[in-house]
Amino acid sequence: MTKEEAQTEIEENNLSFFVESEEYNSNVEEGHIISQTPTDNSKVKNNSIINVVISKGEESEEEKQNRIKQEKTKEAISNAIEKYASQIHTANGTTVKYSSYSLYKTASDGTEVYKLKYDTSYNYENTQIYYYQLVSLDEKNQQVIKQSPFYVYRKYSYSNGKSTTTFDEYAMEYDFESIWE
């Protein structure tokens, strides 16, 4: 079934149509449904969401090579960041453990700057504390070549249901501009 046919049928049955993703598939024609959740003939309530995966058709050799290159680059970035972060044990006197990373910004020269998140061993009632750090990698994505200081994120929850969050985003942005711009 094509995307349009599926959407029409789904919406005519008082359901919501949602494209979860589009993927290359050499067995399913471009623009047709590869899969859906819940599956066909499942019992669902009115207004339920039907998630579909749409075929982008067969992947060209150029697209395949680009995808492989992107996957290798992403893996190299992840490996370099994990290697660097595994060596970090303390920040501001607090024991930390690497948790995750995300792209923070791209500097004006094209350098990608990543924001690393560290969990802490600090555990106190109603308080969450994390540390963040900005880093950039060498041209081959093999090692960290620049890093910022650590930035603390604190979230206090009070018994009356209110909470307070402190995070020095100004300092992070200032350091980004002074180190990478």
N, C-alpha and C. Protein backbone atom coordinates (compact mmCIF):
# COMPACT_ATOMS: atom_id res chain seq x y z
N MET A 1 0.84 -1.16 0.00
CA MET A 1 0.00 0.00 0.00
C MET A 1 0.90 1.24 0.00
N THR A 2 0.52 2.27 -0.73
CA THR A 2 1.30 3.50 -0.74
C THR A 2 1.05 4.28 0.55
N LYS A 3 1.91 5.24 0.80
CA LYS A 3 1.76 6.10 1.97
C LYS A 3 0.39 6.80 1.94
N GLU A 4 0.02 7.33 0.78
CA GLU A 4 -1.24 8.06 0.65
C GLU A 4 -2.44 7.14 0.86
N GLU A 5 -2.39 5.93 0.30
CA GLU A 5 -3.48 4.96 0.48
C GLU A 5 -3.63 4.59 1.95
N ALA A 6 -2.50 4.34 2.59
CA ALA A 6 -2.52 3.96 4.00
C ALA A 6 -3.07 5.09 4.86
N GLN A 7 -2.63 6.31 4.59
CA GLN A 7 -3.08 7.46 5.37
C GLN A 7 -4.59 7.64 5.22
N THR A 8 -5.09 7.52 4.00
CA THR A 8 -6.53 7.66 3.76
C THR A 8 -7.30 6.60 4.53
N GLU A 9 -6.88 5.34 4.40
CA GLU A 9 -7.59 4.25 5.08
C GLU A 9 -7.54 4.40 6.60
N ILE A 10 -6.39 4.76 7.12
CA ILE A 10 -6.23 4.92 8.57
C ILE A 10 -7.13 6.03 9.09
N GLU A 11 -7.10 7.17 8.40
CA GLU A 11 -7.91 8.32 8.87
C GLU A 11 -9.40 8.08 8.68
N GLU A 12 -9.80 7.31 7.67
CA GLU A 12 -11.22 6.97 7.48
C GLU A 12 -11.74 6.08 8.59
N ASN A 13 -10.85 5.41 9.29
CA ASN A 13 -11.23 4.53 10.40
C ASN A 13 -11.02 5.20 11.76
N ASN A 14 -11.04 6.54 11.78
CA ASN A 14 -10.92 7.32 13.00
C ASN A 14 -9.63 7.03 13.78
N LEU A 15 -8.55 6.88 13.02
CA LEU A 15 -7.23 6.66 13.61
C LEU A 15 -6.30 7.76 13.13
N SER A 16 -5.17 7.91 13.81
CA SER A 16 -4.19 8.92 13.43
C SER A 16 -3.01 8.25 12.72
N PHE A 17 -2.55 8.88 11.67
CA PHE A 17 -1.46 8.39 10.84
C PHE A 17 -0.18 9.13 11.22
N PHE A 18 0.90 8.37 11.48
CA PHE A 18 2.17 8.99 11.84
C PHE A 18 3.32 8.25 11.15
N VAL A 19 4.15 8.99 10.40
CA VAL A 19 5.32 8.40 9.75
C VAL A 19 6.45 8.37 10.78
N GLU A 20 6.77 7.16 11.23
CA GLU A 20 7.82 6.97 12.23
C GLU A 20 9.20 7.18 11.63
N SER A 21 9.40 6.66 10.42
CA SER A 21 10.68 6.83 9.74
C SER A 21 10.55 6.45 8.27
N GLU A 22 11.59 6.78 7.53
CA GLU A 22 11.71 6.36 6.14
C GLU A 22 13.04 5.62 6.02
N GLU A 23 13.01 4.45 5.38
CA GLU A 23 14.21 3.61 5.31
C GLU A 23 14.38 3.08 3.90
N TYR A 24 15.64 2.81 3.56
CA TYR A 24 15.91 2.14 2.29
C TYR A 24 15.48 0.70 2.41
N ASN A 25 14.89 0.18 1.33
CA ASN A 25 14.45 -1.21 1.33
C ASN A 25 14.37 -1.67 -0.12
N SER A 26 15.19 -2.64 -0.47
CA SER A 26 15.22 -3.12 -1.86
C SER A 26 14.03 -4.02 -2.18
N ASN A 27 13.29 -4.47 -1.17
CA ASN A 27 12.15 -5.36 -1.39
C ASN A 27 10.81 -4.63 -1.45
N VAL A 28 10.77 -3.36 -1.02
CA VAL A 28 9.52 -2.60 -0.99
C VAL A 28 9.71 -1.34 -1.84
N GLU A 29 8.79 -1.14 -2.77
CA GLU A 29 8.86 0.00 -3.68
C GLU A 29 8.85 1.32 -2.92
N GLU A 30 9.55 2.31 -3.44
CA GLU A 30 9.61 3.63 -2.83
C GLU A 30 8.20 4.20 -2.65
N GLY A 31 7.97 4.79 -1.46
CA GLY A 31 6.68 5.39 -1.16
C GLY A 31 5.64 4.43 -0.62
N HIS A 32 6.00 3.15 -0.48
CA HIS A 32 5.08 2.15 0.06
C HIS A 32 5.44 1.84 1.51
N ILE A 33 4.48 1.26 2.22
CA ILE A 33 4.64 0.93 3.63
C ILE A 33 5.50 -0.32 3.80
N ILE A 34 6.51 -0.23 4.64
CA ILE A 34 7.34 -1.39 4.99
C ILE A 34 6.70 -2.11 6.17
N SER A 35 6.31 -1.33 7.18
CA SER A 35 5.72 -1.92 8.39
C SER A 35 4.86 -0.88 9.09
N GLN A 36 4.06 -1.36 10.03
CA GLN A 36 3.24 -0.47 10.85
C GLN A 36 3.09 -1.06 12.24
N THR A 37 2.86 -0.14 13.20
CA THR A 37 2.62 -0.52 14.58
C THR A 37 1.43 0.29 15.09
N PRO A 38 0.41 -0.33 15.63
CA PRO A 38 0.18 -1.77 15.73
C PRO A 38 0.03 -2.40 14.34
N THR A 39 0.20 -3.70 14.30
CA THR A 39 0.15 -4.42 13.03
C THR A 39 -1.25 -4.44 12.44
N ASP A 40 -1.31 -4.75 11.17
CA ASP A 40 -2.59 -4.83 10.45
C ASP A 40 -3.52 -5.81 11.16
N ASN A 41 -4.80 -5.50 11.19
CA ASN A 41 -5.86 -6.31 11.80
C ASN A 41 -5.81 -6.35 13.33
N SER A 42 -5.00 -5.49 13.95
CA SER A 42 -5.00 -5.40 15.42
C SER A 42 -6.22 -4.61 15.86
N LYS A 43 -6.69 -4.91 17.05
CA LYS A 43 -7.81 -4.15 17.61
C LYS A 43 -7.24 -2.95 18.34
N VAL A 44 -7.75 -1.75 17.95
CA VAL A 44 -7.29 -0.52 18.57
C VAL A 44 -8.48 0.38 18.86
N LYS A 45 -8.30 1.30 19.78
CA LYS A 45 -9.35 2.25 20.12
C LYS A 45 -9.37 3.38 19.10
N ASN A 46 -10.53 4.05 18.99
CA ASN A 46 -10.62 5.23 18.13
C ASN A 46 -9.55 6.23 18.52
N ASN A 47 -9.05 6.95 17.54
CA ASN A 47 -8.03 7.99 17.70
C ASN A 47 -6.65 7.44 18.06
N SER A 48 -6.48 6.12 18.03
CA SER A 48 -5.15 5.55 18.26
C SER A 48 -4.21 5.99 17.14
N ILE A 49 -2.95 6.01 17.45
CA ILE A 49 -1.94 6.39 16.45
C ILE A 49 -1.40 5.13 15.79
N ILE A 50 -1.36 5.15 14.46
CA ILE A 50 -0.76 4.07 13.69
C ILE A 50 0.58 4.60 13.16
N ASN A 51 1.67 4.01 13.63
CA ASN A 51 3.02 4.40 13.21
C ASN A 51 3.41 3.57 12.00
N VAL A 52 3.91 4.22 10.96
CA VAL A 52 4.31 3.50 9.75
C VAL A 52 5.76 3.80 9.40
N VAL A 53 6.39 2.84 8.74
CA VAL A 53 7.73 3.00 8.20
C VAL A 53 7.58 2.96 6.69
N ILE A 54 8.08 4.01 6.02
CA ILE A 54 7.93 4.16 4.57
C ILE A 54 9.23 3.78 3.87
N SER A 55 9.11 3.12 2.73
CA SER A 55 10.27 2.74 1.94
C SER A 55 10.80 3.91 1.13
N LYS A 56 12.12 4.07 1.13
CA LYS A 56 12.77 5.05 0.27
C LYS A 56 13.29 4.35 -0.99
N GLY A 57 12.88 3.10 -1.17
CA GLY A 57 13.33 2.34 -2.33
C GLY A 57 14.72 1.77 -2.11
N GLU A 58 15.34 1.37 -3.19
CA GLU A 58 16.67 0.78 -3.09
C GLU A 58 17.72 1.87 -2.93
N GLU A 59 18.66 1.64 -2.06
CA GLU A 59 19.73 2.60 -1.79
C GLU A 59 20.75 2.56 -2.93
N SER A 60 21.10 3.74 -3.47
CA SER A 60 22.11 3.79 -4.53
C SER A 60 23.48 3.54 -3.92
N GLU A 61 24.43 3.22 -4.75
CA GLU A 61 25.80 2.95 -4.27
C GLU A 61 26.38 4.20 -3.61
N GLU A 62 26.13 5.36 -4.19
CA GLU A 62 26.63 6.62 -3.62
C GLU A 62 26.01 6.88 -2.25
N GLU A 63 24.69 6.66 -2.14
CA GLU A 63 24.02 6.85 -0.85
C GLU A 63 24.54 5.86 0.19
N LYS A 64 24.79 4.64 -0.26
CA LYS A 64 25.30 3.61 0.65
C LYS A 64 26.68 4.00 1.17
N GLN A 65 27.55 4.48 0.28
CA GLN A 65 28.90 4.89 0.70
C GLN A 65 28.85 6.07 1.66
N ASN A 66 27.94 7.04 1.37
CA ASN A 66 27.78 8.18 2.27
C ASN A 66 27.28 7.74 3.64
N ARG A 67 26.33 6.81 3.66
CA ARG A 67 25.79 6.30 4.92
C ARG A 67 26.88 5.60 5.73
N ILE A 68 27.65 4.76 5.06
CA ILE A 68 28.74 4.04 5.74
C ILE A 68 29.77 5.02 6.30
N LYS A 69 30.09 6.05 5.53
CA LYS A 69 31.04 7.08 5.99
C LYS A 69 30.49 7.80 7.21
N GLN A 70 29.21 8.16 7.19
CA GLN A 70 28.59 8.83 8.33
C GLN A 70 28.58 7.94 9.56
N GLU A 71 28.28 6.65 9.36
CA GLU A 71 28.26 5.71 10.49
C GLU A 71 29.65 5.57 11.10
N LYS A 72 30.69 5.51 10.26
CA LYS A 72 32.06 5.39 10.76
C LYS A 72 32.48 6.65 11.50
N THR A 73 32.08 7.81 10.98
CA THR A 73 32.40 9.07 11.65
C THR A 73 31.73 9.14 13.01
N LYS A 74 30.45 8.78 13.04
CA LYS A 74 29.70 8.80 14.31
C LYS A 74 30.34 7.84 15.32
N GLU A 75 30.74 6.67 14.87
CA GLU A 75 31.38 5.70 15.76
C GLU A 75 32.72 6.23 16.27
N ALA A 76 33.50 6.86 15.39
CA ALA A 76 34.79 7.42 15.80
C ALA A 76 34.60 8.52 16.84
N ILE A 77 33.60 9.38 16.63
CA ILE A 77 33.31 10.45 17.59
C ILE A 77 32.93 9.85 18.94
N SER A 78 32.04 8.89 18.92
CA SER A 78 31.59 8.25 20.15
C SER A 78 32.76 7.59 20.88
N ASN A 79 33.60 6.88 20.15
CA ASN A 79 34.75 6.20 20.76
C ASN A 79 35.73 7.20 21.38
N ALA A 80 36.02 8.30 20.67
CA ALA A 80 36.96 9.29 21.18
C ALA A 80 36.42 9.96 22.43
N ILE A 81 35.14 10.28 22.40
CA ILE A 81 34.53 10.93 23.57
C ILE A 81 34.49 9.98 24.76
N GLU A 82 34.11 8.73 24.53
CA GLU A 82 34.07 7.76 25.62
C GLU A 82 35.45 7.51 26.20
N LYS A 83 36.45 7.44 25.35
CA LYS A 83 37.83 7.24 25.83
C LYS A 83 38.26 8.41 26.70
N TYR A 84 38.02 9.62 26.23
CA TYR A 84 38.37 10.81 27.00
C TYR A 84 37.61 10.84 28.33
N ALA A 85 36.30 10.66 28.24
CA ALA A 85 35.44 10.79 29.42
C ALA A 85 35.71 9.70 30.46
N SER A 86 36.17 8.54 30.03
CA SER A 86 36.45 7.45 30.99
C SER A 86 37.63 7.80 31.88
N GLN A 87 38.44 8.76 31.45
CA GLN A 87 39.61 9.18 32.23
C GLN A 87 39.24 10.25 33.26
N ILE A 88 38.04 10.80 33.15
CA ILE A 88 37.59 11.85 34.07
C ILE A 88 36.90 11.18 35.26
N HIS A 89 37.42 11.42 36.43
CA HIS A 89 36.84 10.79 37.63
C HIS A 89 36.28 11.80 38.61
N THR A 90 36.82 13.01 38.58
CA THR A 90 36.32 14.02 39.51
C THR A 90 36.12 15.35 38.79
N ALA A 91 35.18 16.09 39.27
CA ALA A 91 34.95 17.45 38.82
C ALA A 91 34.63 18.27 40.05
N ASN A 92 35.42 19.30 40.27
CA ASN A 92 35.20 20.16 41.44
C ASN A 92 35.13 19.36 42.74
N GLY A 93 35.93 18.30 42.83
CA GLY A 93 35.98 17.50 44.05
C GLY A 93 34.88 16.47 44.19
N THR A 94 34.03 16.33 43.16
CA THR A 94 32.93 15.37 43.20
C THR A 94 33.24 14.23 42.22
N THR A 95 33.00 12.99 42.64
CA THR A 95 33.20 11.85 41.75
C THR A 95 32.15 11.87 40.66
N VAL A 96 32.61 11.73 39.40
CA VAL A 96 31.69 11.76 38.27
C VAL A 96 31.88 10.54 37.39
N LYS A 97 30.83 10.21 36.64
CA LYS A 97 30.88 9.10 35.69
C LYS A 97 30.23 9.58 34.40
N TYR A 98 30.91 9.38 33.29
CA TYR A 98 30.41 9.80 31.99
C TYR A 98 29.05 9.15 31.71
N SER A 99 28.12 9.94 31.18
CA SER A 99 26.77 9.46 30.91
C SER A 99 26.42 9.49 29.43
N SER A 100 26.58 10.66 28.78
CA SER A 100 26.17 10.79 27.38
C SER A 100 26.78 12.04 26.77
N TYR A 101 26.59 12.18 25.45
CA TYR A 101 27.03 13.40 24.79
C TYR A 101 26.02 13.80 23.73
N SER A 102 26.06 15.07 23.36
CA SER A 102 25.24 15.59 22.27
C SER A 102 26.01 16.72 21.60
N LEU A 103 25.63 17.03 20.37
CA LEU A 103 26.25 18.15 19.69
C LEU A 103 25.76 19.43 20.35
N TYR A 104 26.68 20.27 20.80
CA TYR A 104 26.31 21.53 21.43
C TYR A 104 26.13 22.61 20.37
N LYS A 105 27.18 22.87 19.60
CA LYS A 105 27.14 23.88 18.53
C LYS A 105 28.26 23.58 17.54
N THR A 106 28.15 24.19 16.38
CA THR A 106 29.23 24.16 15.41
C THR A 106 29.86 25.54 15.40
N ALA A 107 31.16 25.59 15.63
CA ALA A 107 31.88 26.86 15.66
C ALA A 107 31.94 27.46 14.26
N SER A 108 32.32 28.71 14.18
CA SER A 108 32.34 29.41 12.89
C SER A 108 33.32 28.78 11.90
N ASP A 109 34.34 28.08 12.38
CA ASP A 109 35.28 27.42 11.47
C ASP A 109 34.84 26.00 11.10
N GLY A 110 33.65 25.60 11.54
CA GLY A 110 33.12 24.28 11.21
C GLY A 110 33.40 23.22 12.26
N THR A 111 34.15 23.54 13.30
CA THR A 111 34.46 22.59 14.36
C THR A 111 33.19 22.26 15.14
N GLU A 112 32.92 20.98 15.29
CA GLU A 112 31.77 20.56 16.08
C GLU A 112 32.18 20.48 17.54
N VAL A 113 31.37 21.09 18.40
CA VAL A 113 31.63 21.11 19.83
C VAL A 113 30.54 20.29 20.50
N TYR A 114 30.97 19.33 21.31
CA TYR A 114 30.05 18.39 21.95
C TYR A 114 29.90 18.72 23.42
N LYS A 115 28.70 18.48 23.94
CA LYS A 115 28.42 18.68 25.36
C LYS A 115 28.36 17.30 26.01
N LEU A 116 29.28 17.05 26.93
CA LEU A 116 29.32 15.78 27.65
C LEU A 116 28.59 15.93 28.97
N LYS A 117 27.85 14.90 29.34
CA LYS A 117 27.13 14.90 30.60
C LYS A 117 27.77 13.85 31.51
N TYR A 118 27.99 14.24 32.76
CA TYR A 118 28.54 13.33 33.76
C TYR A 118 27.55 13.23 34.92
N ASP A 119 27.27 12.01 35.35
CA ASP A 119 26.48 11.79 36.56
C ASP A 119 27.41 11.86 37.75
N THR A 120 26.87 12.16 38.90
CA THR A 120 27.70 12.26 40.10
C THR A 120 27.34 11.18 41.10
N SER A 121 28.27 10.93 41.99
CA SER A 121 28.00 9.99 43.08
C SER A 121 27.25 10.70 44.20
N TYR A 122 27.10 12.01 44.06
CA TYR A 122 26.39 12.80 45.07
C TYR A 122 24.93 12.41 45.04
N ASN A 123 24.43 11.95 46.15
CA ASN A 123 23.04 11.53 46.23
C ASN A 123 22.45 12.05 47.53
N TYR A 124 21.64 13.05 47.39
CA TYR A 124 21.02 13.63 48.56
C TYR A 124 19.54 13.78 48.27
N GLU A 125 18.73 13.61 49.29
CA GLU A 125 17.27 13.69 49.14
C GLU A 125 16.86 14.90 48.32
N ASN A 126 16.03 14.67 47.32
CA ASN A 126 15.40 15.72 46.53
C ASN A 126 16.37 16.59 45.73
N THR A 127 17.59 16.14 45.51
CA THR A 127 18.56 16.92 44.76
C THR A 127 19.20 16.07 43.67
N GLN A 128 19.23 16.63 42.46
CA GLN A 128 19.93 15.99 41.34
C GLN A 128 21.09 16.90 40.97
N ILE A 129 22.27 16.33 40.78
CA ILE A 129 23.43 17.11 40.35
C ILE A 129 24.10 16.38 39.19
N TYR A 130 24.35 17.15 38.14
CA TYR A 130 25.09 16.65 36.98
C TYR A 130 26.19 17.66 36.66
N TYR A 131 27.21 17.20 35.97
CA TYR A 131 28.22 18.11 35.43
C TYR A 131 28.20 17.99 33.92
N TYR A 132 28.47 19.12 33.27
CA TYR A 132 28.58 19.14 31.82
C TYR A 132 29.95 19.71 31.46
N GLN A 133 30.40 19.35 30.26
CA GLN A 133 31.67 19.87 29.77
C GLN A 133 31.60 19.93 28.26
N LEU A 134 32.21 20.96 27.67
CA LEU A 134 32.28 21.08 26.22
C LEU A 134 33.63 20.57 25.75
N VAL A 135 33.62 19.84 24.63
CA VAL A 135 34.87 19.33 24.05
C VAL A 135 34.78 19.38 22.53
N SER A 136 35.95 19.41 21.89
CA SER A 136 36.02 19.24 20.44
C SER A 136 37.14 18.24 20.15
N LEU A 137 37.05 17.64 18.97
CA LEU A 137 37.97 16.57 18.59
C LEU A 137 38.92 17.02 17.48
N ASP A 138 39.99 16.25 17.27
CA ASP A 138 40.90 16.52 16.17
C ASP A 138 40.21 16.21 14.84
N GLU A 139 40.87 16.51 13.72
CA GLU A 139 40.26 16.34 12.40
C GLU A 139 39.88 14.90 12.08
N LYS A 140 40.56 13.94 12.69
CA LYS A 140 40.27 12.53 12.43
C LYS A 140 39.30 11.94 13.46
N ASN A 141 38.79 12.78 14.36
CA ASN A 141 37.85 12.35 15.41
C ASN A 141 38.43 11.23 16.26
N GLN A 142 39.71 11.36 16.61
CA GLN A 142 40.36 10.32 17.40
C GLN A 142 40.63 10.72 18.84
N GLN A 143 40.73 12.04 19.08
CA GLN A 143 40.99 12.45 20.46
C GLN A 143 40.49 13.87 20.71
N VAL A 144 40.22 14.14 21.97
CA VAL A 144 39.77 15.46 22.38
C VAL A 144 40.98 16.40 22.34
N ILE A 145 40.82 17.55 21.67
CA ILE A 145 41.92 18.51 21.59
C ILE A 145 41.64 19.80 22.35
N LYS A 146 40.36 20.08 22.62
CA LYS A 146 39.99 21.25 23.42
C LYS A 146 38.86 20.85 24.35
N GLN A 147 38.90 21.40 25.56
CA GLN A 147 37.82 21.15 26.50
C GLN A 147 37.60 22.38 27.37
N SER A 148 36.39 22.49 27.84
CA SER A 148 36.03 23.60 28.73
C SER A 148 36.14 23.12 30.17
N PRO A 149 35.97 24.05 31.12
CA PRO A 149 35.82 23.62 32.51
C PRO A 149 34.50 22.86 32.68
N PHE A 150 34.22 22.40 33.87
CA PHE A 150 32.96 21.72 34.16
C PHE A 150 31.90 22.73 34.57
N TYR A 151 30.66 22.43 34.21
CA TYR A 151 29.52 23.26 34.59
C TYR A 151 28.58 22.40 35.40
N VAL A 152 28.13 22.91 36.50
CA VAL A 152 27.28 22.13 37.39
C VAL A 152 25.81 22.44 37.11
N TYR A 153 25.00 21.41 37.16
CA TYR A 153 23.55 21.53 37.03
C TYR A 153 22.97 20.95 38.31
N ARG A 154 22.17 21.74 39.00
CA ARG A 154 21.54 21.29 40.23
C ARG A 154 20.04 21.49 40.13
N LYS A 155 19.30 20.52 40.57
CA LYS A 155 17.85 20.66 40.65
C LYS A 155 17.43 20.24 42.05
N TYR A 156 16.85 21.18 42.77
CA TYR A 156 16.37 20.93 44.12
C TYR A 156 14.86 20.81 44.08
N SER A 157 14.32 19.77 44.65
CA SER A 157 12.87 19.61 44.76
C SER A 157 12.49 19.77 46.23
N TYR A 158 11.49 20.58 46.47
CA TYR A 158 11.06 20.84 47.84
C TYR A 158 9.80 20.05 48.16
N SER A 159 9.56 19.85 49.43
CA SER A 159 8.42 19.04 49.88
C SER A 159 7.08 19.66 49.48
N ASN A 160 7.05 20.96 49.21
CA ASN A 160 5.80 21.59 48.81
C ASN A 160 5.52 21.44 47.31
N GLY A 161 6.34 20.64 46.63
CA GLY A 161 6.13 20.36 45.20
C GLY A 161 6.85 21.32 44.27
N LYS A 162 7.50 22.33 44.79
CA LYS A 162 8.22 23.28 43.96
C LYS A 162 9.66 22.82 43.80
N SER A 163 10.29 23.31 42.75
CA SER A 163 11.69 22.95 42.54
C SER A 163 12.46 24.17 42.04
N THR A 164 13.75 24.13 42.23
CA THR A 164 14.65 25.18 41.78
C THR A 164 15.77 24.52 40.99
N THR A 165 16.09 25.11 39.85
CA THR A 165 17.17 24.59 39.03
C THR A 165 18.22 25.66 38.87
N THR A 166 19.49 25.28 39.04
CA THR A 166 20.58 26.21 38.77
C THR A 166 21.52 25.55 37.78
N PHE A 167 21.88 26.31 36.77
CA PHE A 167 22.81 25.82 35.75
C PHE A 167 23.45 27.03 35.11
N ASP A 168 24.75 27.07 35.08
CA ASP A 168 25.44 28.25 34.59
C ASP A 168 25.62 28.20 33.07
N GLU A 169 24.51 28.39 32.36
CA GLU A 169 24.56 28.38 30.90
C GLU A 169 25.34 29.58 30.37
N TYR A 170 25.31 30.68 31.09
CA TYR A 170 26.05 31.86 30.66
C TYR A 170 27.54 31.55 30.60
N ALA A 171 28.05 30.89 31.62
CA ALA A 171 29.47 30.54 31.64
C ALA A 171 29.80 29.58 30.50
N MET A 172 28.91 28.62 30.22
CA MET A 172 29.14 27.67 29.14
C MET A 172 29.21 28.40 27.80
N GLU A 173 28.29 29.30 27.58
CA GLU A 173 28.28 30.05 26.32
C GLU A 173 29.50 30.97 26.22
N TYR A 174 29.88 31.60 27.31
CA TYR A 174 31.06 32.45 27.33
C TYR A 174 32.31 31.64 26.99
N ASP A 175 32.45 30.47 27.60
CA ASP A 175 33.61 29.63 27.32
C ASP A 175 33.59 29.12 25.88
N PHE A 176 32.40 28.79 25.37
CA PHE A 176 32.32 28.37 23.97
C PHE A 176 32.87 29.48 23.07
N GLU A 177 32.42 30.69 23.31
CA GLU A 177 32.86 31.80 22.47
C GLU A 177 34.35 32.09 22.64
N SER A 178 34.87 31.97 23.85
CA SER A 178 36.29 32.28 24.05
C SER A 178 37.22 31.15 23.60
N ILE A 179 36.75 29.91 23.65
CA ILE A 179 37.61 28.78 23.28
C ILE A 179 37.49 28.44 21.79
N TRP A 180 36.27 28.49 21.23
CA TRP A 180 36.06 28.01 19.86
C TRP A 180 35.78 29.08 18.83
N GLU A 181 35.50 30.30 19.25
CA GLU A 181 35.19 31.34 18.26
C GLU A 181 36.33 32.32 18.10
